[in-house]
Amino acid sequence: MDVRDRIAPDSIPQLVTQLATDARDVAKAEIALAKTKALFAVTRYKAAAIRFAIAGVLGLAALIALLVGAILSLATLIGPGWATLAVVGVVLVIAALLALTGKSALRAGPGA
């Protein structure tokens, strides 16, 4: 006795309907899983981005404090005006060098 002999002809449309329903349910479940995974990733990256932003702000505050400390330390040797000029000059030279190396890295293209 073959399996086809046990299936009544009128139940084949029911089986096809059940197959379509099951396929739709699986597709919905896969979409829900993908949405959940994406939401989890977004939430995780959002938390990391907030931490990076706070770290950047704190790093900038530390750099400013370091520069103010350098000005105050040099002020006892060369005066406040010259100390400010010296520290700002050094920082501008460093910024210019970083900008030039960034520009040359862009000009070199990917992989450089």
N, C-alpha and C. Protein backbone atom coordinates (compact mmCIF):
# COMPACT_ATOMS: atom_id res chain seq x y z
N MET A 1 0.85 -1.18 0.00
CA MET A 1 0.00 0.00 0.00
C MET A 1 0.89 1.24 0.00
N ASP A 2 0.66 2.09 -0.94
CA ASP A 2 1.44 3.31 -1.10
C ASP A 2 0.80 4.42 -0.28
N VAL A 3 1.64 5.42 0.07
CA VAL A 3 1.14 6.56 0.85
C VAL A 3 0.04 7.27 0.09
N ARG A 4 0.18 7.35 -1.20
CA ARG A 4 -0.82 8.04 -2.01
C ARG A 4 -2.18 7.34 -1.95
N ASP A 5 -2.15 6.06 -1.66
CA ASP A 5 -3.41 5.33 -1.57
C ASP A 5 -4.15 5.69 -0.27
N ARG A 6 -3.40 6.09 0.76
CA ARG A 6 -4.03 6.40 2.04
C ARG A 6 -4.57 7.83 2.10
N ILE A 7 -4.15 8.68 1.20
CA ILE A 7 -4.62 10.06 1.20
C ILE A 7 -5.85 10.15 0.30
N ALA A 8 -6.90 10.59 0.89
CA ALA A 8 -8.12 10.74 0.11
C ALA A 8 -7.97 11.92 -0.83
N PRO A 9 -8.51 11.83 -2.03
CA PRO A 9 -8.37 12.92 -2.99
C PRO A 9 -8.89 14.26 -2.49
N ASP A 10 -9.92 14.24 -1.65
CA ASP A 10 -10.45 15.51 -1.18
C ASP A 10 -9.58 16.13 -0.10
N SER A 11 -8.59 15.39 0.47
CA SER A 11 -7.74 15.97 1.50
C SER A 11 -6.51 16.66 0.92
N ILE A 12 -6.21 16.47 -0.34
CA ILE A 12 -5.05 17.12 -0.95
C ILE A 12 -5.19 18.64 -0.92
N PRO A 13 -6.34 19.22 -1.26
CA PRO A 13 -6.46 20.68 -1.12
C PRO A 13 -6.27 21.13 0.33
N GLN A 14 -6.71 20.32 1.26
CA GLN A 14 -6.50 20.68 2.67
C GLN A 14 -5.01 20.66 3.02
N LEU A 15 -4.30 19.67 2.49
CA LEU A 15 -2.85 19.59 2.74
C LEU A 15 -2.12 20.78 2.12
N VAL A 16 -2.52 21.15 0.93
CA VAL A 16 -1.90 22.31 0.28
C VAL A 16 -2.19 23.58 1.07
N THR A 17 -3.41 23.71 1.55
CA THR A 17 -3.78 24.86 2.38
C THR A 17 -2.96 24.88 3.67
N GLN A 18 -2.82 23.70 4.29
CA GLN A 18 -2.04 23.61 5.53
C GLN A 18 -0.57 23.94 5.26
N LEU A 19 -0.05 23.47 4.13
CA LEU A 19 1.34 23.77 3.75
C LEU A 19 1.53 25.27 3.56
N ALA A 20 0.59 25.92 2.90
CA ALA A 20 0.69 27.37 2.71
C ALA A 20 0.61 28.11 4.03
N THR A 21 -0.27 27.65 4.91
CA THR A 21 -0.40 28.28 6.23
C THR A 21 0.88 28.11 7.04
N ASP A 22 1.44 26.90 7.02
CA ASP A 22 2.68 26.64 7.75
C ASP A 22 3.84 27.49 7.19
N ALA A 23 3.92 27.59 5.87
CA ALA A 23 4.97 28.39 5.25
C ALA A 23 4.84 29.86 5.64
N ARG A 24 3.59 30.36 5.66
CA ARG A 24 3.36 31.75 6.07
C ARG A 24 3.76 31.96 7.53
N ASP A 25 3.43 30.99 8.40
CA ASP A 25 3.78 31.09 9.81
C ASP A 25 5.30 31.08 10.02
N VAL A 26 5.99 30.22 9.25
CA VAL A 26 7.45 30.18 9.35
C VAL A 26 8.05 31.50 8.88
N ALA A 27 7.53 32.04 7.79
CA ALA A 27 8.03 33.31 7.28
C ALA A 27 7.81 34.43 8.30
N LYS A 28 6.65 34.47 8.93
CA LYS A 28 6.37 35.48 9.95
C LYS A 28 7.33 35.34 11.13
N ALA A 29 7.58 34.09 11.54
CA ALA A 29 8.49 33.86 12.66
C ALA A 29 9.91 34.29 12.31
N GLU A 30 10.35 34.02 11.08
CA GLU A 30 11.69 34.43 10.65
C GLU A 30 11.81 35.96 10.61
N ILE A 31 10.78 36.62 10.13
CA ILE A 31 10.79 38.08 10.09
C ILE A 31 10.82 38.65 11.50
N ALA A 32 10.05 38.07 12.41
CA ALA A 32 10.05 38.53 13.80
C ALA A 32 11.43 38.32 14.43
N LEU A 33 12.07 37.19 14.13
CA LEU A 33 13.41 36.93 14.65
C LEU A 33 14.42 37.94 14.11
N ALA A 34 14.33 38.23 12.81
CA ALA A 34 15.25 39.20 12.21
C ALA A 34 15.05 40.59 12.82
N LYS A 35 13.80 40.99 13.05
CA LYS A 35 13.52 42.28 13.67
C LYS A 35 14.08 42.34 15.09
N THR A 36 13.93 41.25 15.84
CA THR A 36 14.44 41.21 17.20
C THR A 36 15.96 41.31 17.22
N LYS A 37 16.61 40.58 16.32
CA LYS A 37 18.07 40.65 16.23
C LYS A 37 18.53 42.06 15.87
N ALA A 38 17.86 42.69 14.92
CA ALA A 38 18.23 44.04 14.51
C ALA A 38 18.03 45.03 15.65
N LEU A 39 16.94 44.91 16.36
CA LEU A 39 16.68 45.80 17.50
C LEU A 39 17.73 45.62 18.58
N PHE A 40 18.13 44.38 18.82
CA PHE A 40 19.17 44.11 19.81
C PHE A 40 20.49 44.75 19.39
N ALA A 41 20.85 44.62 18.10
CA ALA A 41 22.10 45.20 17.61
C ALA A 41 22.06 46.72 17.71
N VAL A 42 20.94 47.33 17.34
CA VAL A 42 20.82 48.79 17.40
C VAL A 42 20.95 49.27 18.85
N THR A 43 20.29 48.56 19.76
CA THR A 43 20.37 48.94 21.17
C THR A 43 21.79 48.84 21.69
N ARG A 44 22.48 47.77 21.30
CA ARG A 44 23.86 47.58 21.76
C ARG A 44 24.78 48.66 21.18
N TYR A 45 24.64 48.95 19.88
CA TYR A 45 25.48 49.98 19.26
C TYR A 45 25.16 51.37 19.80
N LYS A 46 23.90 51.61 20.12
CA LYS A 46 23.52 52.90 20.69
C LYS A 46 24.20 53.10 22.04
N ALA A 47 24.20 52.07 22.88
CA ALA A 47 24.85 52.17 24.19
C ALA A 47 26.35 52.39 24.02
N ALA A 48 26.96 51.70 23.06
CA ALA A 48 28.39 51.87 22.81
C ALA A 48 28.68 53.28 22.31
N ALA A 49 27.84 53.80 21.43
CA ALA A 49 28.05 55.15 20.89
C ALA A 49 27.95 56.20 21.99
N ILE A 50 27.01 56.01 22.91
CA ILE A 50 26.89 56.95 24.04
C ILE A 50 28.15 56.91 24.88
N ARG A 51 28.67 55.72 25.14
CA ARG A 51 29.90 55.62 25.94
C ARG A 51 31.08 56.25 25.23
N PHE A 52 31.18 56.05 23.90
CA PHE A 52 32.26 56.69 23.13
C PHE A 52 32.14 58.20 23.17
N ALA A 53 30.93 58.72 23.08
CA ALA A 53 30.73 60.17 23.13
C ALA A 53 31.15 60.74 24.48
N ILE A 54 30.77 60.06 25.54
CA ILE A 54 31.16 60.51 26.88
C ILE A 54 32.67 60.44 27.04
N ALA A 55 33.28 59.37 26.53
CA ALA A 55 34.74 59.24 26.60
C ALA A 55 35.42 60.37 25.82
N GLY A 56 34.86 60.71 24.66
CA GLY A 56 35.43 61.81 23.87
C GLY A 56 35.35 63.14 24.59
N VAL A 57 34.21 63.41 25.22
CA VAL A 57 34.04 64.67 25.96
C VAL A 57 35.01 64.73 27.13
N LEU A 58 35.13 63.62 27.85
CA LEU A 58 36.05 63.59 28.98
C LEU A 58 37.51 63.71 28.53
N GLY A 59 37.82 63.07 27.41
CA GLY A 59 39.17 63.20 26.85
C GLY A 59 39.48 64.63 26.45
N LEU A 60 38.52 65.30 25.83
CA LEU A 60 38.70 66.70 25.45
C LEU A 60 38.87 67.58 26.68
N ALA A 61 38.08 67.32 27.72
CA ALA A 61 38.22 68.08 28.97
C ALA A 61 39.60 67.87 29.58
N ALA A 62 40.11 66.65 29.53
CA ALA A 62 41.44 66.38 30.06
C ALA A 62 42.51 67.09 29.25
N LEU A 63 42.34 67.13 27.94
CA LEU A 63 43.30 67.84 27.09
C LEU A 63 43.29 69.33 27.38
N ILE A 64 42.12 69.89 27.56
CA ILE A 64 42.03 71.32 27.90
C ILE A 64 42.69 71.59 29.24
N ALA A 65 42.45 70.72 30.22
CA ALA A 65 43.08 70.89 31.53
C ALA A 65 44.60 70.79 31.40
N LEU A 66 45.09 69.88 30.58
CA LEU A 66 46.53 69.75 30.36
C LEU A 66 47.11 71.02 29.73
N LEU A 67 46.41 71.57 28.76
CA LEU A 67 46.89 72.79 28.10
C LEU A 67 46.87 73.98 29.06
N VAL A 68 45.83 74.09 29.87
CA VAL A 68 45.78 75.16 30.86
C VAL A 68 46.92 75.00 31.86
N GLY A 69 47.17 73.75 32.27
CA GLY A 69 48.28 73.50 33.18
C GLY A 69 49.61 73.87 32.56
N ALA A 70 49.78 73.58 31.26
CA ALA A 70 51.03 73.94 30.58
C ALA A 70 51.18 75.46 30.52
N ILE A 71 50.11 76.16 30.25
CA ILE A 71 50.17 77.63 30.22
C ILE A 71 50.54 78.17 31.60
N LEU A 72 49.89 77.65 32.64
CA LEU A 72 50.18 78.12 34.00
C LEU A 72 51.61 77.81 34.41
N SER A 73 52.10 76.65 34.02
CA SER A 73 53.48 76.30 34.36
C SER A 73 54.48 77.18 33.63
N LEU A 74 54.24 77.42 32.35
CA LEU A 74 55.15 78.28 31.58
C LEU A 74 55.02 79.75 31.98
N ALA A 75 53.87 80.13 32.50
CA ALA A 75 53.65 81.54 32.87
C ALA A 75 54.63 81.99 33.93
N THR A 76 55.06 81.08 34.80
CA THR A 76 56.03 81.47 35.83
C THR A 76 57.41 81.71 35.24
N LEU A 77 57.68 81.15 34.06
CA LEU A 77 58.99 81.30 33.44
C LEU A 77 59.03 82.45 32.43
N ILE A 78 58.00 82.56 31.58
CA ILE A 78 58.06 83.54 30.49
C ILE A 78 56.89 84.52 30.49
N GLY A 79 56.03 84.44 31.47
CA GLY A 79 54.90 85.36 31.55
C GLY A 79 53.66 84.73 30.92
N PRO A 80 52.48 85.19 31.36
CA PRO A 80 51.25 84.57 30.90
C PRO A 80 50.98 84.74 29.41
N GLY A 81 51.26 85.88 28.87
CA GLY A 81 51.00 86.11 27.44
C GLY A 81 51.85 85.23 26.55
N TRP A 82 53.14 85.21 26.85
CA TRP A 82 54.05 84.39 26.05
C TRP A 82 53.77 82.90 26.26
N ALA A 83 53.39 82.52 27.46
CA ALA A 83 53.07 81.12 27.73
C ALA A 83 51.85 80.69 26.91
N THR A 84 50.84 81.54 26.89
CA THR A 84 49.66 81.24 26.09
C THR A 84 50.02 81.13 24.62
N LEU A 85 50.80 82.08 24.14
CA LEU A 85 51.22 82.07 22.74
C LEU A 85 52.02 80.80 22.41
N ALA A 86 52.90 80.40 23.30
CA ALA A 86 53.73 79.22 23.06
C ALA A 86 52.87 77.95 23.02
N VAL A 87 51.98 77.79 23.97
CA VAL A 87 51.15 76.59 24.02
C VAL A 87 50.20 76.54 22.83
N VAL A 88 49.57 77.66 22.52
CA VAL A 88 48.66 77.69 21.36
C VAL A 88 49.44 77.43 20.08
N GLY A 89 50.63 77.99 19.96
CA GLY A 89 51.46 77.76 18.77
C GLY A 89 51.81 76.29 18.59
N VAL A 90 52.22 75.64 19.66
CA VAL A 90 52.57 74.22 19.58
C VAL A 90 51.34 73.39 19.21
N VAL A 91 50.20 73.71 19.81
CA VAL A 91 48.98 72.95 19.50
C VAL A 91 48.57 73.17 18.04
N LEU A 92 48.71 74.38 17.53
CA LEU A 92 48.37 74.64 16.13
C LEU A 92 49.33 73.92 15.18
N VAL A 93 50.60 73.83 15.52
CA VAL A 93 51.56 73.09 14.69
C VAL A 93 51.18 71.60 14.66
N ILE A 94 50.83 71.05 15.83
CA ILE A 94 50.42 69.64 15.88
C ILE A 94 49.15 69.44 15.05
N ALA A 95 48.19 70.35 15.16
CA ALA A 95 46.95 70.25 14.38
C ALA A 95 47.24 70.32 12.88
N ALA A 96 48.14 71.21 12.48
CA ALA A 96 48.48 71.33 11.06
C ALA A 96 49.15 70.06 10.56
N LEU A 97 50.05 69.48 11.35
CA LEU A 97 50.71 68.24 10.93
C LEU A 97 49.70 67.09 10.80
N LEU A 98 48.78 67.01 11.74
CA LEU A 98 47.74 65.98 11.65
C LEU A 98 46.86 66.20 10.42
N ALA A 99 46.52 67.44 10.14
CA ALA A 99 45.70 67.74 8.96
C ALA A 99 46.44 67.37 7.67
N LEU A 100 47.72 67.66 7.61
CA LEU A 100 48.49 67.33 6.41
C LEU A 100 48.62 65.83 6.22
N THR A 101 48.85 65.09 7.32
CA THR A 101 48.93 63.63 7.18
C THR A 101 47.57 63.04 6.81
N GLY A 102 46.50 63.63 7.32
CA GLY A 102 45.16 63.18 6.92
C GLY A 102 44.88 63.45 5.46
N LYS A 103 45.31 64.60 5.01
CA LYS A 103 45.11 64.97 3.60
C LYS A 103 45.90 64.03 2.69
N SER A 104 47.13 63.73 3.06
CA SER A 104 47.94 62.84 2.23
C SER A 104 47.39 61.41 2.26
N ALA A 105 46.80 61.01 3.39
CA ALA A 105 46.19 59.68 3.45
C ALA A 105 44.97 59.60 2.54
N LEU A 106 44.20 60.69 2.44
CA LEU A 106 43.06 60.71 1.53
C LEU A 106 43.51 60.70 0.08
N ARG A 107 44.56 61.43 -0.19
CA ARG A 107 45.06 61.50 -1.55
C ARG A 107 45.62 60.15 -2.01
N ALA A 108 46.22 59.39 -1.07
CA ALA A 108 46.82 58.10 -1.41
C ALA A 108 45.76 57.07 -1.77
N GLY A 109 44.56 57.23 -1.25
CA GLY A 109 43.47 56.31 -1.59
C GLY A 109 43.36 55.18 -0.58
N PRO A 110 42.49 54.22 -0.87
CA PRO A 110 42.25 53.12 0.07
C PRO A 110 43.47 52.21 0.19
N GLY A 111 43.63 51.66 1.37
CA GLY A 111 44.71 50.72 1.61
C GLY A 111 46.04 51.37 1.92
N ALA A 112 46.11 52.68 1.93
CA ALA A 112 47.38 53.36 2.20
C ALA A 112 47.59 53.57 3.67
